[in-house]
Amino acid sequence: LVTEGDLPEEGSGSVADTGDSVCSEIFESQVHPADLPLIPLEELQEFVEETRGRWDRAQLALDSWSTFGRFYWSAHDARQAPGLNVNDQK
């Protein structure tokens, strides 16, 4: 385990060669999963349903934009067709 005395002082330019990394010390200091409170199943199900709902709405929005893009470019291509002048169709 790396102790504070093993770490180089800020700006010293040296690196402690202890075999342990600062990252491992940080991870060891985190709360162990067994110590975390359990989330009730109902809350998890509600979270999943809300997330799925958001994903569905996002997918619908993407589909709408995709459809809009296809129509837009089809109309654009039609306007660019030879012999067709939109201003002459009055």
PDB file of N, CA and C in Angstrom:
ATOM      1  N   LEU A   1       0.850  -1.193   0.000  1.00  0.00           N
ATOM      2  CA  LEU A   1       0.000   0.000   0.000  1.00  0.00           C
ATOM      3  C   LEU A   1       0.885   1.243   0.000  1.00  0.00           C
ATOM      4  N   VAL A   2       0.533   2.202  -0.801  1.00  0.00           N
ATOM      5  CA  VAL A   2       1.291   3.450  -0.888  1.00  0.00           C
ATOM      6  C   VAL A   2       0.853   4.353   0.255  1.00  0.00           C
ATOM      7  N   THR A   3       1.820   4.860   0.975  1.00  0.00           N
ATOM      8  CA  THR A   3       1.495   5.823   2.022  1.00  0.00           C
ATOM      9  C   THR A   3       1.874   7.202   1.528  1.00  0.00           C
ATOM     10  N   GLU A   4       1.424   8.198   2.244  1.00  0.00           N
ATOM     11  CA  GLU A   4       1.674   9.562   1.801  1.00  0.00           C
ATOM     12  C   GLU A   4       3.170   9.864   1.733  1.00  0.00           C
ATOM     13  N   GLY A   5       3.953   9.239   2.616  1.00  0.00           N
ATOM     14  CA  GLY A   5       5.393   9.438   2.619  1.00  0.00           C
ATOM     15  C   GLY A   5       6.079   8.829   1.408  1.00  0.00           C
ATOM     16  N   ASP A   6       5.437   7.819   0.778  1.00  0.00           N
ATOM     17  CA  ASP A   6       6.007   7.171  -0.403  1.00  0.00           C
ATOM     18  C   ASP A   6       5.831   7.997  -1.665  1.00  0.00           C
ATOM     19  N   LEU A   7       4.876   8.908  -1.659  1.00  0.00           N
ATOM     20  CA  LEU A   7       4.581   9.690  -2.856  1.00  0.00           C
ATOM     21  C   LEU A   7       5.581  10.830  -2.993  1.00  0.00           C
ATOM     22  N   PRO A   8       5.979  11.142  -4.225  1.00  0.00           N
ATOM     23  CA  PRO A   8       6.917  12.256  -4.416  1.00  0.00           C
ATOM     24  C   PRO A   8       6.246  13.576  -4.091  1.00  0.00           C
ATOM     25  N   GLU A   9       7.047  14.518  -3.628  1.00  0.00           N
ATOM     26  CA  GLU A   9       6.502  15.838  -3.354  1.00  0.00           C
ATOM     27  C   GLU A   9       6.178  16.533  -4.658  1.00  0.00           C
ATOM     28  N   GLU A  10       5.188  17.380  -4.622  1.00  0.00           N
ATOM     29  CA  GLU A  10       4.753  18.076  -5.816  1.00  0.00           C
ATOM     30  C   GLU A  10       5.893  18.928  -6.361  1.00  0.00           C
ATOM     31  N   GLY A  11       6.149  18.774  -7.664  1.00  0.00           N
ATOM     32  CA  GLY A  11       7.183  19.565  -8.306  1.00  0.00           C
ATOM     33  C   GLY A  11       8.577  18.998  -8.150  1.00  0.00           C
ATOM     34  N   SER A  12       8.741  17.855  -7.455  1.00  0.00           N
ATOM     35  CA  SER A  12      10.083  17.298  -7.260  1.00  0.00           C
ATOM     36  C   SER A  12      10.602  16.613  -8.506  1.00  0.00           C
ATOM     37  N   GLY A  13       9.696  16.188  -9.402  1.00  0.00           N
ATOM     38  CA  GLY A  13      10.113  15.549 -10.639  1.00  0.00           C
ATOM     39  C   GLY A  13      10.443  14.084 -10.479  1.00  0.00           C
ATOM     40  N   SER A  14      10.427  13.554  -9.266  1.00  0.00           N
ATOM     41  CA  SER A  14      10.719  12.132  -9.072  1.00  0.00           C
ATOM     42  C   SER A  14       9.423  11.356  -8.891  1.00  0.00           C
ATOM     43  N   VAL A  15       9.505  10.065  -9.178  1.00  0.00           N
ATOM     44  CA  VAL A  15       8.334   9.209  -9.060  1.00  0.00           C
ATOM     45  C   VAL A  15       8.669   8.097  -8.090  1.00  0.00           C
ATOM     46  N   ALA A  16       7.795   7.835  -7.135  1.00  0.00           N
ATOM     47  CA  ALA A  16       8.018   6.753  -6.179  1.00  0.00           C
ATOM     48  C   ALA A  16       7.899   5.419  -6.894  1.00  0.00           C
ATOM     49  N   ASP A  17       8.865   4.534  -6.672  1.00  0.00           N
ATOM     50  CA  ASP A  17       8.841   3.226  -7.320  1.00  0.00           C
ATOM     51  C   ASP A  17       8.504   2.176  -6.272  1.00  0.00           C
ATOM     52  N   THR A  18       7.234   2.107  -5.875  1.00  0.00           N
ATOM     53  CA  THR A  18       6.818   1.175  -4.829  1.00  0.00           C
ATOM     54  C   THR A  18       6.128  -0.045  -5.400  1.00  0.00           C
ATOM     55  N   GLY A  19       5.817  -0.047  -6.702  1.00  0.00           N
ATOM     56  CA  GLY A  19       5.074  -1.156  -7.296  1.00  0.00           C
ATOM     57  C   GLY A  19       3.578  -0.918  -7.226  1.00  0.00           C
ATOM     58  N   ASP A  20       3.153  -0.050  -6.324  1.00  0.00           N
ATOM     59  CA  ASP A  20       1.732   0.306  -6.225  1.00  0.00           C
ATOM     60  C   ASP A  20       1.529   1.629  -6.937  1.00  0.00           C
ATOM     61  N   SER A  21       0.380   1.794  -7.528  1.00  0.00           N
ATOM     62  CA  SER A  21       0.110   3.062  -8.197  1.00  0.00           C
ATOM     63  C   SER A  21      -0.808   3.914  -7.347  1.00  0.00           C
ATOM     64  N   VAL A  22      -0.799   5.175  -7.633  1.00  0.00           N
ATOM     65  CA  VAL A  22      -1.707   6.093  -6.947  1.00  0.00           C
ATOM     66  C   VAL A  22      -3.144   5.682  -7.219  1.00  0.00           C
ATOM     67  N   CYS A  23      -3.395   5.180  -8.449  1.00  0.00           N
ATOM     68  CA  CYS A  23      -4.751   4.761  -8.807  1.00  0.00           C
ATOM     69  C   CYS A  23      -5.243   3.646  -7.901  1.00  0.00           C
ATOM     70  N   SER A  24      -4.381   2.674  -7.597  1.00  0.00           N
ATOM     71  CA  SER A  24      -4.825   1.567  -6.756  1.00  0.00           C
ATOM     72  C   SER A  24      -5.185   2.072  -5.369  1.00  0.00           C
ATOM     73  N   GLU A  25      -4.455   3.073  -4.892  1.00  0.00           N
ATOM     74  CA  GLU A  25      -4.775   3.649  -3.589  1.00  0.00           C
ATOM     75  C   GLU A  25      -6.145   4.319  -3.629  1.00  0.00           C
ATOM     76  N   ILE A  26      -6.416   5.013  -4.711  1.00  0.00           N
ATOM     77  CA  ILE A  26      -7.711   5.682  -4.851  1.00  0.00           C
ATOM     78  C   ILE A  26      -8.830   4.655  -4.866  1.00  0.00           C
ATOM     79  N   PHE A  27      -8.650   3.570  -5.648  1.00  0.00           N
ATOM     80  CA  PHE A  27      -9.695   2.555  -5.717  1.00  0.00           C
ATOM     81  C   PHE A  27      -9.893   1.859  -4.376  1.00  0.00           C
ATOM     82  N   GLU A  28      -8.817   1.634  -3.645  1.00  0.00           N
ATOM     83  CA  GLU A  28      -8.934   0.985  -2.343  1.00  0.00           C
ATOM     84  C   GLU A  28      -9.686   1.863  -1.360  1.00  0.00           C
ATOM     85  N   SER A  29      -9.647   3.168  -1.544  1.00  0.00           N
ATOM     86  CA  SER A  29     -10.310   4.076  -0.618  1.00  0.00           C
ATOM     87  C   SER A  29     -11.802   4.213  -0.910  1.00  0.00           C
ATOM     88  N   GLN A  30     -12.255   3.672  -2.033  1.00  0.00           N
ATOM     89  CA  GLN A  30     -13.666   3.773  -2.395  1.00  0.00           C
ATOM     90  C   GLN A  30     -14.507   2.851  -1.514  1.00  0.00           C
ATOM     91  N   VAL A  31     -15.792   3.119  -1.453  1.00  0.00           N
ATOM     92  CA  VAL A  31     -16.714   2.310  -0.659  1.00  0.00           C
ATOM     93  C   VAL A  31     -16.834   0.931  -1.284  1.00  0.00           C
ATOM     94  N   HIS A  32     -16.719  -0.081  -0.476  1.00  0.00           N
ATOM     95  CA  HIS A  32     -16.853  -1.463  -0.956  1.00  0.00           C
ATOM     96  C   HIS A  32     -18.310  -1.702  -1.343  1.00  0.00           C
ATOM     97  N   PRO A  33     -18.576  -2.407  -2.452  1.00  0.00           N
ATOM     98  CA  PRO A  33     -19.961  -2.628  -2.897  1.00  0.00           C
ATOM     99  C   PRO A  33     -20.856  -3.247  -1.831  1.00  0.00           C
ATOM    100  N   ALA A  34     -20.295  -4.092  -0.973  1.00  0.00           N
ATOM    101  CA  ALA A  34     -21.109  -4.731   0.067  1.00  0.00           C
ATOM    102  C   ALA A  34     -21.603  -3.713   1.088  1.00  0.00           C
ATOM    103  N   ASP A  35     -20.927  -2.573   1.187  1.00  0.00           N
ATOM    104  CA  ASP A  35     -21.316  -1.547   2.156  1.00  0.00           C
ATOM    105  C   ASP A  35     -22.345  -0.567   1.602  1.00  0.00           C
ATOM    106  N   LEU A  36     -22.658  -0.679   0.323  1.00  0.00           N
ATOM    107  CA  LEU A  36     -23.632   0.226  -0.283  1.00  0.00           C
ATOM    108  C   LEU A  36     -25.050  -0.234   0.037  1.00  0.00           C
ATOM    109  N   PRO A  37     -25.977   0.706   0.203  1.00  0.00           N
ATOM    110  CA  PRO A  37     -27.366   0.302   0.474  1.00  0.00           C
ATOM    111  C   PRO A  37     -27.987  -0.343  -0.765  1.00  0.00           C
ATOM    112  N   LEU A  38     -28.855  -1.304  -0.524  1.00  0.00           N
ATOM    113  CA  LEU A  38     -29.543  -1.962  -1.635  1.00  0.00           C
ATOM    114  C   LEU A  38     -30.669  -1.074  -2.143  1.00  0.00           C
ATOM    115  N   ILE A  39     -30.870  -1.076  -3.437  1.00  0.00           N
ATOM    116  CA  ILE A  39     -31.952  -0.304  -4.040  1.00  0.00           C
ATOM    117  C   ILE A  39     -33.141  -1.241  -4.205  1.00  0.00           C
ATOM    118  N   PRO A  40     -34.321  -0.838  -3.736  1.00  0.00           N
ATOM    119  CA  PRO A  40     -35.501  -1.707  -3.877  1.00  0.00           C
ATOM    120  C   PRO A  40     -35.773  -2.048  -5.340  1.00  0.00           C
ATOM    121  N   LEU A  41     -36.260  -3.247  -5.569  1.00  0.00           N
ATOM    122  CA  LEU A  41     -36.529  -3.734  -6.917  1.00  0.00           C
ATOM    123  C   LEU A  41     -37.488  -2.812  -7.665  1.00  0.00           C
ATOM    124  N   GLU A  42     -38.482  -2.277  -6.961  1.00  0.00           N
ATOM    125  CA  GLU A  42     -39.455  -1.396  -7.610  1.00  0.00           C
ATOM    126  C   GLU A  42     -38.766  -0.154  -8.178  1.00  0.00           C
ATOM    127  N   GLU A  43     -37.807   0.394  -7.424  1.00  0.00           N
ATOM    128  CA  GLU A  43     -37.088   1.578  -7.907  1.00  0.00           C
ATOM    129  C   GLU A  43     -36.252   1.242  -9.130  1.00  0.00           C
ATOM    130  N   LEU A  44     -35.626   0.064  -9.123  1.00  0.00           N
ATOM    131  CA  LEU A  44     -34.839  -0.348 -10.282  1.00  0.00           C
ATOM    132  C   LEU A  44     -35.728  -0.527 -11.506  1.00  0.00           C
ATOM    133  N   GLN A  45     -36.893  -1.150 -11.309  1.00  0.00           N
ATOM    134  CA  GLN A  45     -37.815  -1.349 -12.435  1.00  0.00           C
ATOM    135  C   GLN A  45     -38.291  -0.009 -12.980  1.00  0.00           C
ATOM    136  N   GLU A  46     -38.588   0.923 -12.087  1.00  0.00           N
ATOM    137  CA  GLU A  46     -39.030   2.258 -12.506  1.00  0.00           C
ATOM    138  C   GLU A  46     -37.924   2.960 -13.304  1.00  0.00           C
ATOM    139  N   PHE A  47     -36.686   2.843 -12.824  1.00  0.00           N
ATOM    140  CA  PHE A  47     -35.551   3.445 -13.523  1.00  0.00           C
ATOM    141  C   PHE A  47     -35.396   2.845 -14.919  1.00  0.00           C
ATOM    142  N   VAL A  48     -35.513   1.521 -15.019  1.00  0.00           N
ATOM    143  CA  VAL A  48     -35.379   0.843 -16.316  1.00  0.00           C
ATOM    144  C   VAL A  48     -36.479   1.297 -17.262  1.00  0.00           C
ATOM    145  N   GLU A  49     -37.722   1.386 -16.762  1.00  0.00           N
ATOM    146  CA  GLU A  49     -38.845   1.818 -17.609  1.00  0.00           C
ATOM    147  C   GLU A  49     -38.646   3.254 -18.091  1.00  0.00           C
ATOM    148  N   GLU A  50     -38.202   4.138 -17.197  1.00  0.00           N
ATOM    149  CA  GLU A  50     -37.958   5.532 -17.594  1.00  0.00           C
ATOM    150  C   GLU A  50     -36.848   5.607 -18.639  1.00  0.00           C
ATOM    151  N   THR A  51     -35.794   4.826 -18.427  1.00  0.00           N
ATOM    152  CA  THR A  51     -34.673   4.824 -19.369  1.00  0.00           C
ATOM    153  C   THR A  51     -35.115   4.303 -20.727  1.00  0.00           C
ATOM    154  N   ARG A  52     -35.901   3.224 -20.714  1.00  0.00           N
ATOM    155  CA  ARG A  52     -36.418   2.686 -21.981  1.00  0.00           C
ATOM    156  C   ARG A  52     -37.309   3.708 -22.671  1.00  0.00           C
ATOM    157  N   GLY A  53     -38.139   4.409 -21.897  1.00  0.00           N
ATOM    158  CA  GLY A  53     -39.007   5.434 -22.469  1.00  0.00           C
ATOM    159  C   GLY A  53     -38.207   6.543 -23.128  1.00  0.00           C
ATOM    160  N   ARG A  54     -37.133   6.975 -22.449  1.00  0.00           N
ATOM    161  CA  ARG A  54     -36.278   8.015 -23.037  1.00  0.00           C
ATOM    162  C   ARG A  54     -35.620   7.511 -24.310  1.00  0.00           C
ATOM    163  N   TRP A  55     -35.152   6.253 -24.277  1.00  0.00           N
ATOM    164  CA  TRP A  55     -34.498   5.678 -25.454  1.00  0.00           C
ATOM    165  C   TRP A  55     -35.497   5.594 -26.602  1.00  0.00           C
ATOM    166  N   ASP A  56     -36.730   5.159 -26.301  1.00  0.00           N
ATOM    167  CA  ASP A  56     -37.757   5.060 -27.344  1.00  0.00           C
ATOM    168  C   ASP A  56     -38.047   6.427 -27.957  1.00  0.00           C
ATOM    169  N   ARG A  57     -38.165   7.460 -27.105  1.00  0.00           N
ATOM    170  CA  ARG A  57     -38.430   8.810 -27.618  1.00  0.00           C
ATOM    171  C   ARG A  57     -37.261   9.311 -28.460  1.00  0.00           C
ATOM    172  N   ALA A  58     -36.052   9.022 -28.017  1.00  0.00           N
ATOM    173  CA  ALA A  58     -34.874   9.429 -28.794  1.00  0.00           C
ATOM    174  C   ALA A  58     -34.846   8.704 -30.133  1.00  0.00           C
ATOM    175  N   GLN A  59     -35.188   7.420 -30.124  1.00  0.00           N
ATOM    176  CA  GLN A  59     -35.199   6.650 -31.367  1.00  0.00           C
ATOM    177  C   GLN A  59     -36.264   7.188 -32.324  1.00  0.00           C
ATOM    178  N   LEU A  60     -37.439   7.536 -31.794  1.00  0.00           N
ATOM    179  CA  LEU A  60     -38.498   8.114 -32.631  1.00  0.00           C
ATOM    180  C   LEU A  60     -38.043   9.441 -33.243  1.00  0.00           C
ATOM    181  N   ALA A  61     -37.359  10.254 -32.439  1.00  0.00           N
ATOM    182  CA  ALA A  61     -36.862  11.536 -32.957  1.00  0.00           C
ATOM    183  C   ALA A  61     -35.846  11.303 -34.075  1.00  0.00           C
ATOM    184  N   LEU A  62     -34.947  10.337 -33.875  1.00  0.00           N
ATOM    185  CA  LEU A  62     -33.967  10.032 -34.924  1.00  0.00           C
ATOM    186  C   LEU A  62     -34.651   9.515 -36.183  1.00  0.00           C
ATOM    187  N   ASP A  63     -35.651   8.654 -35.999  1.00  0.00           N
ATOM    188  CA  ASP A  63     -36.387   8.130 -37.153  1.00  0.00           C
ATOM    189  C   ASP A  63     -37.087   9.255 -37.906  1.00  0.00           C
ATOM    190  N   SER A  64     -37.675  10.198 -37.152  1.00  0.00           N
ATOM    191  CA  SER A  64     -38.360  11.327 -37.788  1.00  0.00           C
ATOM    192  C   SER A  64     -37.383  12.162 -38.596  1.00  0.00           C
ATOM    193  N   TRP A  65     -36.222  12.453 -38.020  1.00  0.00           N
ATOM    194  CA  TRP A  65     -35.222  13.232 -38.741  1.00  0.00           C
ATOM    195  C   TRP A  65     -34.724  12.487 -39.965  1.00  0.00           C
ATOM    196  N   SER A  66     -34.587  11.175 -39.838  1.00  0.00           N
ATOM    197  CA  SER A  66     -34.131  10.372 -40.971  1.00  0.00           C
ATOM    198  C   SER A  66     -35.154  10.433 -42.103  1.00  0.00           C
ATOM    199  N   THR A  67     -36.441  10.304 -41.744  1.00  0.00           N
ATOM    200  CA  THR A  67     -37.513  10.388 -42.738  1.00  0.00           C
ATOM    201  C   THR A  67     -37.534  11.777 -43.365  1.00  0.00           C
ATOM    202  N   PHE A  68     -37.424  12.812 -42.521  1.00  0.00           N
ATOM    203  CA  PHE A  68     -37.392  14.185 -43.019  1.00  0.00           C
ATOM    204  C   PHE A  68     -36.235  14.360 -44.000  1.00  0.00           C
ATOM    205  N   GLY A  69     -35.074  13.825 -43.643  1.00  0.00           N
ATOM    206  CA  GLY A  69     -33.899  13.939 -44.511  1.00  0.00           C
ATOM    207  C   GLY A  69     -34.118  13.285 -45.859  1.00  0.00           C
ATOM    208  N   ARG A  70     -34.747  12.114 -45.852  1.00  0.00           N
ATOM    209  CA  ARG A  70     -35.012  11.426 -47.127  1.00  0.00           C
ATOM    210  C   ARG A  70     -35.952  12.254 -47.999  1.00  0.00           C
ATOM    211  N   PHE A  71     -37.028  12.794 -47.407  1.00  0.00           N
ATOM    212  CA  PHE A  71     -37.965  13.617 -48.180  1.00  0.00           C
ATOM    213  C   PHE A  71     -37.305  14.902 -48.661  1.00  0.00           C
ATOM    214  N   TYR A  72     -36.530  15.521 -47.786  1.00  0.00           N
ATOM    215  CA  TYR A  72     -35.860  16.769 -48.145  1.00  0.00           C
ATOM    216  C   TYR A  72     -34.951  16.555 -49.345  1.00  0.00           C
ATOM    217  N   TRP A  73     -34.107  15.515 -49.289  1.00  0.00           N
ATOM    218  CA  TRP A  73     -33.163  15.302 -50.374  1.00  0.00           C
ATOM    219  C   TRP A  73     -33.857  14.813 -51.640  1.00  0.00           C
ATOM    220  N   SER A  74     -34.969  14.085 -51.490  1.00  0.00           N
ATOM    221  CA  SER A  74     -35.731  13.684 -52.682  1.00  0.00           C
ATOM    222  C   SER A  74     -36.287  14.918 -53.378  1.00  0.00           C
ATOM    223  N   ALA A  75     -36.849  15.841 -52.590  1.00  0.00           N
ATOM    224  CA  ALA A  75     -37.393  17.077 -53.161  1.00  0.00           C
ATOM    225  C   ALA A  75     -36.266  17.917 -53.760  1.00  0.00           C
ATOM    226  N   HIS A  76     -35.152  17.961 -53.075  1.00  0.00           N
ATOM    227  CA  HIS A  76     -34.001  18.716 -53.574  1.00  0.00           C
ATOM    228  C   HIS A  76     -33.535  18.144 -54.918  1.00  0.00           C
ATOM    229  N   ASP A  77     -33.433  16.817 -54.989  1.00  0.00           N
ATOM    230  CA  ASP A  77     -33.007  16.176 -56.239  1.00  0.00           C
ATOM    231  C   ASP A  77     -34.008  16.439 -57.357  1.00  0.00           C
ATOM    232  N   ALA A  78     -35.308  16.425 -57.018  1.00  0.00           N
ATOM    233  CA  ALA A  78     -36.340  16.668 -58.027  1.00  0.00           C
ATOM    234  C   ALA A  78     -36.228  18.091 -58.569  1.00  0.00           C
ATOM    235  N   ARG A  79     -35.928  19.051 -57.683  1.00  0.00           N
ATOM    236  CA  ARG A  79     -35.782  20.442 -58.125  1.00  0.00           C
ATOM    237  C   ARG A  79     -34.571  20.619 -59.023  1.00  0.00           C
ATOM    238  N   GLN A  80     -33.579  19.764 -58.825  1.00  0.00           N
ATOM    239  CA  GLN A  80     -32.349  19.871 -59.613  1.00  0.00           C
ATOM    240  C   GLN A  80     -32.438  19.123 -60.944  1.00  0.00           C
ATOM    241  N   ALA A  81     -33.566  18.440 -61.174  1.00  0.00           N
ATOM    242  CA  ALA A  81     -33.702  17.644 -62.402  1.00  0.00           C
ATOM    243  C   ALA A  81     -33.640  18.562 -63.617  1.00  0.00           C
ATOM    244  N   PRO A  82     -33.003  18.114 -64.691  1.00  0.00           N
ATOM    245  CA  PRO A  82     -32.907  18.947 -65.894  1.00  0.00           C
ATOM    246  C   PRO A  82     -34.293  19.245 -66.474  1.00  0.00           C
ATOM    247  N   GLY A  83     -34.488  20.472 -66.929  1.00  0.00           N
ATOM    248  CA  GLY A  83     -35.746  20.855 -67.557  1.00  0.00           C
ATOM    249  C   GLY A  83     -36.821  21.284 -66.582  1.00  0.00           C
ATOM    250  N   LEU A  84     -36.549  21.218 -65.268  1.00  0.00           N
ATOM    251  CA  LEU A  84     -37.564  21.609 -64.287  1.00  0.00           C
ATOM    252  C   LEU A  84     -37.123  22.908 -63.635  1.00  0.00           C
ATOM    253  N   ASN A  85     -37.920  23.936 -63.816  1.00  0.00           N
ATOM    254  CA  ASN A  85     -37.635  25.212 -63.190  1.00  0.00           C
ATOM    255  C   ASN A  85     -38.817  25.534 -62.301  1.00  0.00           C
ATOM    256  N   VAL A  86     -38.599  25.569 -61.001  1.00  0.00           N
ATOM    257  CA  VAL A  86     -39.679  25.781 -60.035  1.00  0.00           C
ATOM    258  C   VAL A  86     -40.370  27.117 -60.285  1.00  0.00           C
ATOM    259  N   ASN A  87     -39.655  28.140 -60.722  1.00  0.00           N
ATOM    260  CA  ASN A  87     -40.234  29.465 -60.941  1.00  0.00           C
ATOM    261  C   ASN A  87     -41.192  29.489 -62.130  1.00  0.00           C
ATOM    262  N   ASP A  88     -41.071  28.550 -63.070  1.00  0.00           N
ATOM    263  CA  ASP A  88     -41.946  28.513 -64.243  1.00  0.00           C
ATOM    264  C   ASP A  88     -43.287  27.839 -63.969  1.00  0.00           C
ATOM    265  N   GLN A  89     -43.494  27.286 -62.770  1.00  0.00           N
ATOM    266  CA  GLN A  89     -44.713  26.518 -62.492  1.00  0.00           C
ATOM    267  C   GLN A  89     -45.787  27.366 -61.834  1.00  0.00           C
ATOM    268  N   LYS A  90     -45.921  28.600 -62.177  1.00  0.00           N
ATOM    269  CA  LYS A  90     -46.928  29.471 -61.551  1.00  0.00           C
ATOM    270  C   LYS A  90     -48.259  29.337 -62.222  1.00  0.00           C
TER     271      LYS A  90
END
